[in-house]
Amino acid sequence: MPLELGLYLGCKRFGGGAQRKKACLIPDTDPYRYRAFISDISGQDIHSHRGDPKRAIAEVRNWLANVSMTKGLPGGADIAARHARFIKTCRESVRS
């Protein structure tokens, strides 16, 4: 991911109008872990999920709702519950 993130950040900073309008979310397990290996991403949209899948789902949902300015989206807990049901259904269909 570091190479792709660097390319994205370069395009966003030096690219044309369409490139400058792009947004990205940088998820990580710890809120400030990036400081240990790369300080150049300070100021980016870094969200910590602390290794919790439900929190990761909620962080992504909240970011998408904010960036898209879409109202009425289901909450993170609802999406996580739907995801859990989906995984369960997938596992059951594999066993059948």
N, C-alpha and C. Protein backbone atom coordinates (compact mmCIF):
# COMPACT_ATOMS: atom_id res chain seq x y z
N MET A 1 0.79 -1.20 0.00
CA MET A 1 0.00 0.00 0.00
C MET A 1 0.84 1.28 0.00
N PRO A 2 2.03 1.34 0.59
CA PRO A 2 2.77 2.61 0.60
C PRO A 2 3.00 3.20 -0.79
N LEU A 3 3.32 2.36 -1.77
CA LEU A 3 3.57 2.87 -3.13
C LEU A 3 2.29 3.47 -3.70
N GLU A 4 1.19 2.73 -3.58
CA GLU A 4 -0.08 3.20 -4.13
C GLU A 4 -0.54 4.48 -3.43
N LEU A 5 -0.36 4.54 -2.13
CA LEU A 5 -0.75 5.73 -1.39
C LEU A 5 0.10 6.92 -1.82
N GLY A 6 1.39 6.69 -2.02
CA GLY A 6 2.27 7.77 -2.49
C GLY A 6 1.86 8.26 -3.87
N LEU A 7 1.52 7.34 -4.75
CA LEU A 7 1.06 7.74 -6.08
C LEU A 7 -0.23 8.56 -5.99
N TYR A 8 -1.15 8.09 -5.17
CA TYR A 8 -2.40 8.81 -4.98
C TYR A 8 -2.15 10.23 -4.47
N LEU A 9 -1.32 10.35 -3.42
CA LEU A 9 -1.06 11.67 -2.83
C LEU A 9 -0.37 12.59 -3.82
N GLY A 10 0.55 12.04 -4.64
CA GLY A 10 1.21 12.84 -5.67
C GLY A 10 0.23 13.33 -6.72
N CYS A 11 -0.67 12.44 -7.16
CA CYS A 11 -1.68 12.83 -8.15
C CYS A 11 -2.62 13.88 -7.57
N LYS A 12 -3.00 13.70 -6.32
CA LYS A 12 -3.91 14.66 -5.70
C LYS A 12 -3.27 16.04 -5.59
N ARG A 13 -2.00 16.08 -5.27
CA ARG A 13 -1.33 17.37 -5.09
C ARG A 13 -0.94 18.03 -6.41
N PHE A 14 -0.45 17.25 -7.35
CA PHE A 14 0.09 17.82 -8.58
C PHE A 14 -0.78 17.60 -9.81
N GLY A 15 -1.85 16.82 -9.68
CA GLY A 15 -2.69 16.51 -10.82
C GLY A 15 -3.66 17.62 -11.16
N GLY A 16 -4.46 17.36 -12.16
CA GLY A 16 -5.46 18.33 -12.61
C GLY A 16 -6.63 18.42 -11.65
N GLY A 17 -7.65 19.15 -12.06
CA GLY A 17 -8.81 19.40 -11.21
C GLY A 17 -9.50 18.14 -10.72
N ALA A 18 -9.69 17.17 -11.60
CA ALA A 18 -10.36 15.93 -11.20
C ALA A 18 -9.55 15.18 -10.15
N GLN A 19 -8.22 15.19 -10.30
CA GLN A 19 -7.35 14.51 -9.33
C GLN A 19 -7.39 15.21 -7.98
N ARG A 20 -7.45 16.51 -7.98
CA ARG A 20 -7.43 17.27 -6.72
C ARG A 20 -8.72 17.13 -5.93
N LYS A 21 -9.81 16.74 -6.59
CA LYS A 21 -11.10 16.58 -5.92
C LYS A 21 -11.23 15.22 -5.24
N LYS A 22 -10.35 14.29 -5.54
CA LYS A 22 -10.45 12.94 -4.99
C LYS A 22 -10.23 12.94 -3.48
N ALA A 23 -10.82 11.96 -2.83
CA ALA A 23 -10.67 11.79 -1.39
C ALA A 23 -10.30 10.34 -1.11
N CYS A 24 -9.59 10.13 -0.02
CA CYS A 24 -9.26 8.75 0.36
C CYS A 24 -9.32 8.61 1.87
N LEU A 25 -9.54 7.40 2.28
CA LEU A 25 -9.55 7.04 3.69
C LEU A 25 -8.36 6.13 3.92
N ILE A 26 -7.61 6.38 4.98
CA ILE A 26 -6.46 5.53 5.32
C ILE A 26 -6.77 4.85 6.64
N PRO A 27 -7.24 3.59 6.60
CA PRO A 27 -7.54 2.90 7.85
C PRO A 27 -6.28 2.28 8.44
N ASP A 28 -6.22 2.20 9.75
CA ASP A 28 -5.09 1.58 10.43
C ASP A 28 -5.57 1.07 11.78
N THR A 29 -4.81 0.16 12.36
CA THR A 29 -5.19 -0.39 13.65
C THR A 29 -4.98 0.60 14.78
N ASP A 30 -3.97 1.44 14.69
CA ASP A 30 -3.65 2.42 15.72
C ASP A 30 -3.69 3.82 15.12
N PRO A 31 -4.18 4.81 15.89
CA PRO A 31 -4.36 6.14 15.32
C PRO A 31 -3.08 6.86 14.90
N TYR A 32 -1.95 6.57 15.52
CA TYR A 32 -0.72 7.30 15.19
C TYR A 32 0.43 6.40 14.80
N ARG A 33 0.14 5.16 14.43
CA ARG A 33 1.18 4.20 14.07
C ARG A 33 1.99 4.67 12.87
N TYR A 34 1.36 5.39 11.97
CA TYR A 34 2.04 5.85 10.76
C TYR A 34 3.24 6.72 11.07
N ARG A 35 3.23 7.40 12.20
CA ARG A 35 4.34 8.29 12.55
C ARG A 35 5.66 7.54 12.69
N ALA A 36 5.59 6.25 12.98
CA ALA A 36 6.81 5.46 13.16
C ALA A 36 7.52 5.20 11.84
N PHE A 37 6.80 5.25 10.73
CA PHE A 37 7.44 4.91 9.46
C PHE A 37 7.23 5.92 8.35
N ILE A 38 6.24 6.79 8.46
CA ILE A 38 6.04 7.79 7.43
C ILE A 38 5.30 9.00 8.02
N SER A 39 5.97 10.11 8.04
CA SER A 39 5.37 11.31 8.61
C SER A 39 4.70 12.17 7.55
N ASP A 40 4.96 11.88 6.30
CA ASP A 40 4.43 12.72 5.22
C ASP A 40 2.93 12.61 5.04
N ILE A 41 2.27 11.68 5.71
CA ILE A 41 0.83 11.58 5.54
C ILE A 41 0.08 12.28 6.66
N SER A 42 0.79 12.99 7.50
CA SER A 42 0.10 13.80 8.51
C SER A 42 -0.86 14.74 7.80
N GLY A 43 -2.02 14.91 8.36
CA GLY A 43 -3.02 15.78 7.75
C GLY A 43 -3.95 15.03 6.81
N GLN A 44 -3.66 13.75 6.55
CA GLN A 44 -4.56 12.95 5.73
C GLN A 44 -5.66 12.39 6.61
N ASP A 45 -6.65 11.80 5.99
CA ASP A 45 -7.80 11.26 6.70
C ASP A 45 -7.48 9.87 7.22
N ILE A 46 -6.80 9.79 8.34
CA ILE A 46 -6.40 8.51 8.92
C ILE A 46 -7.38 8.16 10.03
N HIS A 47 -7.96 6.99 9.95
CA HIS A 47 -8.95 6.55 10.93
C HIS A 47 -8.50 5.24 11.56
N SER A 48 -8.51 5.20 12.87
CA SER A 48 -8.11 4.00 13.59
C SER A 48 -9.33 3.12 13.87
N HIS A 49 -9.18 1.83 13.60
CA HIS A 49 -10.24 0.88 13.91
C HIS A 49 -9.83 -0.04 15.06
N ARG A 50 -8.59 0.12 15.53
CA ARG A 50 -8.05 -0.63 16.66
C ARG A 50 -8.19 -2.14 16.50
N GLY A 51 -8.19 -2.61 15.27
CA GLY A 51 -8.27 -4.04 15.00
C GLY A 51 -9.65 -4.64 15.17
N ASP A 52 -10.66 -3.80 15.37
CA ASP A 52 -12.03 -4.27 15.57
C ASP A 52 -12.81 -4.15 14.26
N PRO A 53 -13.21 -5.29 13.67
CA PRO A 53 -13.91 -5.24 12.39
C PRO A 53 -15.18 -4.38 12.41
N LYS A 54 -15.94 -4.42 13.50
CA LYS A 54 -17.16 -3.61 13.58
C LYS A 54 -16.82 -2.12 13.57
N ARG A 55 -15.75 -1.76 14.25
CA ARG A 55 -15.34 -0.36 14.25
C ARG A 55 -14.82 0.04 12.87
N ALA A 56 -14.10 -0.87 12.20
CA ALA A 56 -13.61 -0.58 10.85
C ALA A 56 -14.78 -0.33 9.90
N ILE A 57 -15.81 -1.15 10.00
CA ILE A 57 -17.00 -0.97 9.17
C ILE A 57 -17.64 0.38 9.45
N ALA A 58 -17.76 0.74 10.72
CA ALA A 58 -18.36 2.02 11.09
C ALA A 58 -17.51 3.19 10.59
N GLU A 59 -16.19 3.08 10.69
CA GLU A 59 -15.30 4.15 10.22
C GLU A 59 -15.45 4.36 8.71
N VAL A 60 -15.47 3.27 7.96
CA VAL A 60 -15.62 3.37 6.50
C VAL A 60 -16.99 3.93 6.15
N ARG A 61 -18.02 3.46 6.82
CA ARG A 61 -19.38 3.95 6.58
C ARG A 61 -19.47 5.45 6.85
N ASN A 62 -18.92 5.89 7.97
CA ASN A 62 -18.98 7.30 8.32
C ASN A 62 -18.20 8.16 7.33
N TRP A 63 -17.04 7.66 6.91
CA TRP A 63 -16.24 8.39 5.93
C TRP A 63 -16.99 8.50 4.60
N LEU A 64 -17.54 7.39 4.13
CA LEU A 64 -18.29 7.42 2.87
C LEU A 64 -19.49 8.36 2.95
N ALA A 65 -20.21 8.32 4.07
CA ALA A 65 -21.36 9.21 4.23
C ALA A 65 -20.92 10.67 4.20
N ASN A 66 -19.81 10.96 4.84
CA ASN A 66 -19.31 12.33 4.89
C ASN A 66 -18.83 12.81 3.52
N VAL A 67 -18.04 11.99 2.85
CA VAL A 67 -17.48 12.37 1.54
C VAL A 67 -18.57 12.50 0.49
N SER A 68 -19.54 11.59 0.52
CA SER A 68 -20.61 11.61 -0.49
C SER A 68 -21.74 12.56 -0.11
N MET A 69 -21.75 12.99 1.15
CA MET A 69 -22.82 13.85 1.68
C MET A 69 -24.20 13.19 1.51
N THR A 70 -24.22 11.88 1.61
CA THR A 70 -25.46 11.12 1.49
C THR A 70 -26.12 11.00 2.85
N LYS A 71 -27.38 11.30 2.90
CA LYS A 71 -28.15 11.20 4.14
C LYS A 71 -28.95 9.90 4.15
N GLY A 72 -29.26 9.42 5.34
CA GLY A 72 -30.14 8.26 5.47
C GLY A 72 -29.47 6.91 5.28
N LEU A 73 -28.15 6.86 5.28
CA LEU A 73 -27.47 5.58 5.16
C LEU A 73 -27.64 4.78 6.45
N PRO A 74 -27.67 3.44 6.35
CA PRO A 74 -27.74 2.66 7.58
C PRO A 74 -26.48 2.92 8.42
N GLY A 75 -26.61 2.76 9.72
CA GLY A 75 -25.48 2.99 10.61
C GLY A 75 -24.45 1.88 10.56
N GLY A 76 -23.33 2.13 11.18
CA GLY A 76 -22.25 1.15 11.20
C GLY A 76 -22.65 -0.17 11.83
N ALA A 77 -23.41 -0.12 12.93
CA ALA A 77 -23.84 -1.35 13.61
C ALA A 77 -24.76 -2.17 12.70
N ASP A 78 -25.64 -1.50 11.96
CA ASP A 78 -26.53 -2.20 11.03
C ASP A 78 -25.74 -2.85 9.90
N ILE A 79 -24.80 -2.13 9.35
CA ILE A 79 -23.98 -2.68 8.27
C ILE A 79 -23.15 -3.86 8.78
N ALA A 80 -22.59 -3.73 9.99
CA ALA A 80 -21.81 -4.83 10.57
C ALA A 80 -22.69 -6.06 10.77
N ALA A 81 -23.93 -5.87 11.22
CA ALA A 81 -24.86 -7.00 11.39
C ALA A 81 -25.18 -7.65 10.05
N ARG A 82 -25.40 -6.83 9.04
CA ARG A 82 -25.65 -7.38 7.69
C ARG A 82 -24.44 -8.15 7.18
N HIS A 83 -23.26 -7.63 7.45
CA HIS A 83 -22.03 -8.31 7.04
C HIS A 83 -21.91 -9.66 7.74
N ALA A 84 -22.20 -9.69 9.03
CA ALA A 84 -22.14 -10.94 9.79
C ALA A 84 -23.12 -11.98 9.22
N ARG A 85 -24.33 -11.53 8.88
CA ARG A 85 -25.31 -12.44 8.27
C ARG A 85 -24.82 -12.94 6.91
N PHE A 86 -24.22 -12.06 6.13
CA PHE A 86 -23.69 -12.44 4.83
C PHE A 86 -22.60 -13.50 4.97
N ILE A 87 -21.68 -13.29 5.89
CA ILE A 87 -20.59 -14.26 6.11
C ILE A 87 -21.17 -15.60 6.56
N LYS A 88 -22.14 -15.55 7.46
CA LYS A 88 -22.77 -16.79 7.94
C LYS A 88 -23.44 -17.54 6.79
N THR A 89 -24.16 -16.82 5.94
CA THR A 89 -24.82 -17.42 4.79
C THR A 89 -23.80 -18.04 3.84
N CYS A 90 -22.71 -17.34 3.61
CA CYS A 90 -21.66 -17.86 2.73
C CYS A 90 -21.06 -19.15 3.28
N ARG A 91 -20.79 -19.17 4.57
CA ARG A 91 -20.22 -20.37 5.20
C ARG A 91 -21.20 -21.54 5.14
N GLU A 92 -22.48 -21.26 5.37
CA GLU A 92 -23.49 -22.31 5.31
C GLU A 92 -23.64 -22.87 3.91
N SER A 93 -23.54 -22.01 2.90
CA SER A 93 -23.69 -22.49 1.52
C SER A 93 -22.48 -23.31 1.09
N VAL A 94 -21.31 -23.04 1.64
CA VAL A 94 -20.11 -23.82 1.32
C VAL A 94 -20.22 -25.22 1.93
N ARG A 95 -20.80 -25.29 3.11
CA ARG A 95 -20.96 -26.58 3.80
C ARG A 95 -21.99 -27.46 3.13
N SER A 96 -22.96 -26.85 2.42
CA SER A 96 -24.07 -27.62 1.81
C SER A 96 -23.64 -28.38 0.60
